[in-house]
């Protein structure tokens, strides 16, 4: 049985309001992720100086914005060099995330210095939480858009 008193209440929250809210939350998560990525690179440089290691750091992370879907991704990669026409050129080999929100870092971190592996693991925990929130916001966005389409039918 429906409650008649709630049926006649005006709805002041529109689909556009909901989509604006989702977009604002995505922007907030993007800013949080940007701070973490910048912190990673800062701590990586500092750690490399303290360790006085001969080799360069090989693990990187970046944010890729997807404007069309109001989203972004946080991606880990390994930096490598290839020889092309006698010149060394840097390339990035991206790690596949797979299902879920966390990257499988086990094999990826083998052979890396412990301080670097710990840093990557620490930040991946933060990134997984951001990815989960981003996924939930995407579901809300999709549901609102589907609802809007159903009203137009």
Protein backbone atom coordinates (compact mmCIF):
# COMPACT_ATOMS: atom_id res chain seq x y z
CA UNK A 1 0.00 0.00 0.00
CA UNK A 2 1.40 3.41 -0.96
CA UNK A 3 1.55 6.25 1.46
CA UNK A 4 -0.60 8.97 -0.07
CA UNK A 5 1.10 11.75 1.87
CA UNK A 6 4.45 11.09 0.18
CA UNK A 7 3.00 10.76 -3.33
CA UNK A 8 2.06 14.42 -3.49
CA UNK A 9 5.31 15.84 -2.14
CA UNK A 10 7.23 17.86 -4.73
CA UNK A 11 10.64 16.48 -5.64
CA UNK A 12 13.22 19.25 -5.63
CA UNK A 13 16.14 16.98 -6.56
CA UNK A 14 16.43 16.55 -10.32
CA UNK A 15 18.39 14.06 -12.39
CA UNK A 16 20.71 16.91 -13.35
CA UNK A 17 21.30 17.63 -9.64
CA UNK A 18 22.23 13.99 -9.06
CA UNK A 19 24.61 13.94 -12.03
CA UNK A 20 26.20 17.19 -10.83
CA UNK A 21 26.69 15.65 -7.40
CA UNK A 22 28.33 12.56 -8.94
CA UNK A 23 30.59 14.76 -11.05
CA UNK A 24 31.61 16.78 -7.98
CA UNK A 25 32.41 13.59 -6.05
CA UNK A 26 34.47 12.25 -8.98
CA UNK A 27 36.38 15.55 -9.10
CA UNK A 28 36.99 15.29 -5.35
CA UNK A 29 38.33 11.73 -5.72
CA UNK A 30 40.48 12.82 -8.66
CA UNK A 31 42.05 15.57 -6.54
CA UNK A 32 42.67 13.07 -3.73
CA UNK A 33 44.26 10.60 -6.16
CA UNK A 34 46.40 13.39 -7.68
CA UNK A 35 47.78 14.23 -4.21
CA UNK A 36 48.60 10.56 -3.62
CA UNK A 37 50.29 10.18 -7.02
CA UNK A 38 52.36 13.33 -6.45
CA UNK A 39 53.25 12.06 -2.97
CA UNK A 40 54.34 8.72 -4.47
CA UNK A 41 56.75 10.41 -6.88
CA UNK A 42 58.10 12.70 -4.14
CA UNK A 43 58.66 9.81 -1.73
CA UNK A 44 60.14 7.67 -4.50
CA UNK A 45 62.74 10.31 -5.35
CA UNK A 46 63.56 10.81 -1.67
CA UNK A 47 63.85 7.07 -1.06
CA UNK A 48 66.08 6.62 -4.06
CA UNK A 49 68.46 9.30 -2.76
CA UNK A 50 68.55 7.74 0.72
CA UNK A 51 69.21 4.24 -0.62
CA UNK A 52 72.00 5.41 -2.91
CA UNK A 53 71.05 2.64 -5.31
CA UNK A 54 72.78 2.34 -8.63
CA UNK A 55 69.66 1.61 -10.66
CA UNK A 56 66.82 3.92 -11.43
CA UNK A 57 63.37 3.40 -9.99
CA UNK A 58 61.31 1.33 -12.38
CA UNK A 59 57.75 1.44 -11.02
CA UNK A 60 55.47 4.36 -11.82
CA UNK A 61 51.84 5.33 -11.36
CA UNK A 62 49.62 7.72 -13.25
CA UNK A 63 46.06 8.96 -13.46
CA UNK A 64 44.23 8.80 -16.77
CA UNK A 65 41.17 11.05 -17.02
CA UNK A 66 38.15 9.87 -19.01
CA UNK A 67 36.13 13.03 -19.66
CA UNK A 68 33.39 11.34 -21.68
CA UNK A 69 32.36 9.12 -18.77
CA UNK A 70 33.15 11.54 -15.92
CA UNK A 71 35.73 9.11 -14.61
CA UNK A 72 39.44 8.34 -14.33
CA UNK A 73 41.74 5.40 -13.75
CA UNK A 74 44.83 4.99 -11.58
CA UNK A 75 47.38 2.80 -13.35
CA UNK A 76 50.70 1.22 -12.33
CA UNK A 77 53.45 0.67 -14.86
CA UNK A 78 57.03 -0.50 -15.12
CA UNK A 79 59.48 1.77 -16.89
CA UNK A 80 61.85 0.11 -19.33
CA UNK A 81 64.21 1.12 -22.11
CA UNK A 82 64.25 -0.19 -25.66
CA UNK A 83 66.86 0.35 -28.32
CA UNK A 84 65.58 1.85 -31.53
CA UNK A 85 67.94 3.00 -34.27
CA UNK A 86 70.84 2.92 -31.83
CA UNK A 87 69.06 5.12 -29.29
CA UNK A 88 67.59 4.13 -25.95
CA UNK A 89 63.93 5.12 -25.67
CA UNK A 90 61.85 4.86 -22.50
CA UNK A 91 58.61 2.89 -22.61
CA UNK A 92 55.95 2.18 -20.02
CA UNK A 93 54.64 -1.36 -19.63
CA UNK A 94 51.27 -1.11 -17.90
CA UNK A 95 50.20 -3.73 -15.38
CA UNK A 96 46.80 -5.31 -16.00
CA UNK A 97 44.49 -4.76 -13.04
CA UNK A 98 42.07 -7.58 -13.68
CA UNK A 99 38.82 -7.99 -11.75
CA UNK A 100 38.28 -6.09 -8.52
CA UNK A 101 39.69 -2.82 -7.34
CA UNK A 102 43.26 -3.85 -6.39
CA UNK A 103 46.20 -4.52 -8.66
CA UNK A 104 47.89 -7.92 -8.21
CA UNK A 105 51.29 -6.56 -7.21
CA UNK A 106 52.99 -9.78 -6.04
CA UNK A 107 54.95 -10.68 -9.17
CA UNK A 108 55.18 -7.05 -10.23
CA UNK A 109 57.18 -6.14 -7.11
CA UNK A 110 59.54 -9.14 -7.17
CA UNK A 111 63.12 -7.98 -7.39
CA UNK A 112 62.31 -4.43 -6.35
CA UNK A 113 63.88 -2.89 -3.24
CA UNK A 114 61.80 -3.51 -0.12
CA UNK A 115 61.31 0.19 0.64
CA UNK A 116 59.90 0.72 -2.86
CA UNK A 117 57.63 -2.35 -2.68
CA UNK A 118 56.28 -1.18 0.69
CA UNK A 119 55.56 2.27 -0.73
CA UNK A 120 53.72 0.79 -3.72
CA UNK A 121 51.67 -1.53 -1.47
CA UNK A 122 50.79 1.33 0.89
CA UNK A 123 49.54 3.55 -1.91
CA UNK A 124 47.77 0.72 -3.74
CA UNK A 125 45.62 0.25 -0.62
CA UNK A 126 44.57 3.92 -0.87
CA UNK A 127 44.07 3.67 -4.64
CA UNK A 128 41.89 0.54 -4.29
CA UNK A 129 39.58 2.45 -1.96
CA UNK A 130 39.36 5.32 -4.46
CA UNK A 131 38.66 2.87 -7.32
CA UNK A 132 35.84 1.28 -5.30
CA UNK A 133 34.23 4.67 -4.58
CA UNK A 134 34.64 5.63 -8.23
CA UNK A 135 32.96 2.39 -9.32
CA UNK A 136 30.01 3.02 -7.03
CA UNK A 137 29.66 6.59 -8.30
CA UNK A 138 29.68 5.21 -11.84
CA UNK A 139 26.80 2.89 -10.96
CA UNK A 140 24.84 5.83 -9.55
CA UNK A 141 25.55 7.88 -12.69
CA UNK A 142 24.45 5.00 -14.95
CA UNK A 143 21.27 4.43 -12.91
CA UNK A 144 20.32 8.12 -13.08
CA UNK A 145 20.96 8.19 -16.83
CA UNK A 146 18.90 5.00 -17.32
CA UNK A 147 16.10 6.53 -15.24
CA UNK A 148 16.20 9.70 -17.34
CA UNK A 149 15.96 7.61 -20.54
CA UNK A 150 13.02 5.64 -19.17
CA UNK A 151 11.12 8.89 -18.55
CA UNK A 152 11.63 9.94 -22.16
CA UNK A 153 10.25 6.65 -23.52
